[in-house]
């Protein structure tokens, strides 16, 4: 049975799967994220196939959506629409806990489980980036993530071609162990 909560080996960030895509018949994924004090989230990025809605449950969360920075407190919420650059961070000296609803869920849960599993197995660098470029491309493809300050078109091509090469080379079958 898969763990309900996974932990980033290097940052301490925890993701709890509250409602999985399977449980919601593919309608959404609801996760709860716990970010340690002064903890960074992902780099500024975009998704072009799902929306993220953030609700702060405890603490203070800084969220950038588009070119605006928002400081959210308990009960505050914000949506990152498709095609809109966004990120989050904890700039405070206390932990923050927040929920994120991804609609539709795509394969975000699978990507997070694979990514965090690779960390636990020592297959990433000390920041959590997979050492194998094909694993990195696969994770980004599964979670439909494009880095905002890089050419979106070039990333789409790289993800499409790179993941096909990775599939041809048999790079992804061994990752299924993180999904069982």
Protein backbone atom coordinates (compact mmCIF):
# COMPACT_ATOMS: atom_id res chain seq x y z
CA UNK A 1 0.00 0.00 0.00
CA UNK A 2 1.29 3.46 -0.89
CA UNK A 3 2.10 5.91 1.88
CA UNK A 4 -0.43 8.71 2.29
CA UNK A 5 2.38 11.19 3.07
CA UNK A 6 5.72 11.54 1.29
CA UNK A 7 8.66 13.66 2.42
CA UNK A 8 11.25 15.56 0.39
CA UNK A 9 14.54 14.15 1.68
CA UNK A 10 16.43 17.45 1.48
CA UNK A 11 13.90 20.21 2.22
CA UNK A 12 11.60 18.42 4.64
CA UNK A 13 8.53 19.41 2.60
CA UNK A 14 5.73 16.90 3.10
CA UNK A 15 2.91 16.10 0.70
CA UNK A 16 -0.15 14.27 1.99
CA UNK A 17 -2.55 12.85 -0.58
CA UNK A 18 -5.97 13.74 0.84
CA UNK A 19 -8.12 12.90 -2.20
CA UNK A 20 -6.41 11.06 -5.06
CA UNK A 21 -7.39 11.16 -8.71
CA UNK A 22 -8.53 7.56 -8.33
CA UNK A 23 -10.79 8.46 -5.39
CA UNK A 24 -12.35 11.39 -7.29
CA UNK A 25 -12.75 9.49 -10.57
CA UNK A 26 -10.20 11.77 -12.22
CA UNK A 27 -11.95 15.02 -11.29
CA UNK A 28 -9.20 16.44 -9.07
CA UNK A 29 -6.34 15.71 -6.71
CA UNK A 30 -6.33 17.28 -3.26
CA UNK A 31 -3.03 17.42 -1.43
CA UNK A 32 -1.91 18.99 1.81
CA UNK A 33 1.59 20.44 1.85
CA UNK A 34 3.65 21.14 4.96
CA UNK A 35 6.57 23.47 4.29
CA UNK A 36 9.21 24.05 6.98
CA UNK A 37 10.23 27.56 8.09
CA UNK A 38 12.03 29.49 5.34
CA UNK A 39 11.25 26.62 2.97
CA UNK A 40 11.28 27.12 -0.77
CA UNK A 41 8.77 25.61 -3.15
CA UNK A 42 9.44 24.86 -6.81
CA UNK A 43 10.92 27.36 -9.26
CA UNK A 44 8.51 29.70 -11.04
CA UNK A 45 6.62 27.41 -13.42
CA UNK A 46 3.49 26.95 -15.52
CA UNK A 47 1.02 24.14 -16.21
CA UNK A 48 -1.02 24.12 -19.38
CA UNK A 49 -3.42 21.32 -18.50
CA UNK A 50 -4.54 21.95 -14.91
CA UNK A 51 -5.45 24.68 -12.43
CA UNK A 52 -4.07 24.85 -8.87
CA UNK A 53 -6.11 26.30 -6.03
CA UNK A 54 -4.22 27.01 -2.79
CA UNK A 55 -5.81 27.41 0.66
CA UNK A 56 -3.66 28.22 3.70
CA UNK A 57 -4.56 25.97 6.65
CA UNK A 58 -1.94 27.21 9.11
CA UNK A 59 0.87 29.77 8.98
CA UNK A 60 1.84 32.27 6.30
CA UNK A 61 2.43 31.32 2.66
CA UNK A 62 3.93 33.55 -0.01
CA UNK A 63 2.55 32.79 -3.47
CA UNK A 64 3.53 34.39 -6.75
CA UNK A 65 0.88 34.17 -9.47
CA UNK A 66 1.73 35.93 -12.69
CA UNK A 67 3.77 38.98 -11.75
CA UNK A 68 2.05 39.54 -8.39
CA UNK A 69 3.32 38.44 -4.99
CA UNK A 70 0.66 37.48 -2.42
CA UNK A 71 1.08 36.90 1.31
CA UNK A 72 -1.60 34.47 2.43
CA UNK A 73 -2.66 33.77 6.02
CA UNK A 74 -4.83 31.03 7.49
CA UNK A 75 -8.07 30.80 5.50
CA UNK A 76 -6.77 32.85 2.55
CA UNK A 77 -6.83 31.27 -0.89
CA UNK A 78 -5.64 31.91 -4.42
CA UNK A 79 -5.87 30.18 -7.80
CA UNK A 80 -3.07 29.71 -10.31
CA UNK A 81 -4.85 29.46 -13.67
CA UNK A 82 -3.49 27.38 -16.54
CA UNK A 83 -0.66 29.02 -18.49
CA UNK A 84 0.13 31.36 -15.57
CA UNK A 85 3.57 31.36 -13.95
CA UNK A 86 3.41 30.63 -10.23
CA UNK A 87 5.36 29.39 -7.23
CA UNK A 88 5.15 29.36 -3.46
CA UNK A 89 7.52 29.73 -0.52
CA UNK A 90 7.50 29.98 3.25
CA UNK A 91 9.28 33.21 4.16
CA UNK A 92 8.37 32.96 7.84
CA UNK A 93 10.11 31.45 10.84
CA UNK A 94 7.20 29.06 11.43
CA UNK A 95 5.97 26.07 9.40
CA UNK A 96 3.12 26.58 6.95
CA UNK A 97 0.47 24.06 5.99
CA UNK A 98 -1.75 24.50 2.95
CA UNK A 99 -3.96 22.51 0.62
CA UNK A 100 -3.72 22.45 -3.14
CA UNK A 101 -6.51 21.22 -5.41
CA UNK A 102 -5.30 20.28 -8.90
CA UNK A 103 -8.11 20.21 -11.46
CA UNK A 104 -7.92 17.99 -13.42
CA UNK A 105 -5.24 16.00 -11.58
CA UNK A 106 -3.20 14.83 -14.56
CA UNK A 107 -0.46 12.51 -13.21
CA UNK A 108 0.84 14.78 -10.47
CA UNK A 109 0.59 12.11 -7.75
CA UNK A 110 2.64 9.66 -9.81
CA UNK A 111 5.28 12.28 -10.57
CA UNK A 112 5.64 13.24 -6.88
CA UNK A 113 5.85 9.61 -5.77
CA UNK A 114 8.52 8.84 -8.37
CA UNK A 115 10.47 12.01 -7.60
CA UNK A 116 10.46 11.51 -3.82
CA UNK A 117 11.19 7.79 -4.26
CA UNK A 118 14.27 8.59 -6.34
CA UNK A 119 15.44 10.88 -3.53
CA UNK A 120 15.03 8.14 -0.93
CA UNK A 121 17.06 5.78 -3.14
CA UNK A 122 19.90 8.32 -3.56
CA UNK A 123 19.23 8.84 -7.27
CA UNK A 124 19.08 12.64 -7.05
CA UNK A 125 21.57 15.36 -6.22
CA UNK A 126 21.54 17.04 -2.81
CA UNK A 127 18.78 19.41 -3.93
CA UNK A 128 16.52 16.60 -5.11
CA UNK A 129 17.10 16.91 -8.86
CA UNK A 130 17.20 13.46 -10.49
CA UNK A 131 20.69 12.52 -11.68
CA UNK A 132 19.26 10.72 -14.71
CA UNK A 133 18.06 13.31 -17.27
CA UNK A 134 15.40 10.90 -18.55
CA UNK A 135 13.94 10.58 -15.05
CA UNK A 136 13.82 14.37 -14.73
CA UNK A 137 12.09 14.74 -18.11
CA UNK A 138 9.59 12.02 -17.23
CA UNK A 139 8.69 13.65 -13.90
CA UNK A 140 8.21 17.06 -15.56
CA UNK A 141 6.11 15.48 -18.31
CA UNK A 142 3.90 13.61 -15.81
CA UNK A 143 3.23 16.75 -13.79
CA UNK A 144 2.85 18.98 -16.84
CA UNK A 145 5.46 21.41 -15.51
CA UNK A 146 7.32 23.95 -17.62
CA UNK A 147 9.89 26.31 -16.08
CA UNK A 148 8.69 29.89 -16.54
CA UNK A 149 11.96 31.64 -17.39
CA UNK A 150 12.94 29.17 -20.13
CA UNK A 151 11.59 28.86 -23.66
CA UNK A 152 8.23 27.09 -23.31
CA UNK A 153 8.37 25.88 -26.92
CA UNK A 154 11.86 24.43 -26.50
CA UNK A 155 10.79 22.72 -23.26
CA UNK A 156 7.76 21.14 -24.94
CA UNK A 157 9.96 19.75 -27.69
CA UNK A 158 12.59 18.54 -25.21
CA UNK A 159 9.97 16.85 -23.01
CA UNK A 160 8.22 15.19 -25.94
CA UNK A 161 11.38 13.94 -27.65
CA UNK A 162 13.31 13.21 -24.46
CA UNK A 163 10.56 11.14 -22.88
CA UNK A 164 10.13 9.14 -26.10
CA UNK A 165 13.86 8.38 -26.13
CA UNK A 166 13.69 7.45 -22.44
CA UNK A 167 10.78 5.11 -23.16
CA UNK A 168 12.68 3.53 -26.07
CA UNK A 169 15.70 3.01 -23.79
CA UNK A 170 13.51 1.38 -21.10
CA UNK A 171 14.19 4.08 -18.50
CA UNK A 172 10.67 4.27 -17.07
CA UNK A 173 9.61 0.71 -16.31
CA UNK A 174 11.88 0.51 -13.21
CA UNK A 175 10.14 3.63 -11.81
CA UNK A 176 6.90 1.69 -11.39
CA UNK A 177 8.24 0.39 -8.05
CA UNK A 178 7.46 3.83 -6.60
CA UNK A 179 3.80 3.49 -7.62
CA UNK A 180 3.06 0.17 -5.92
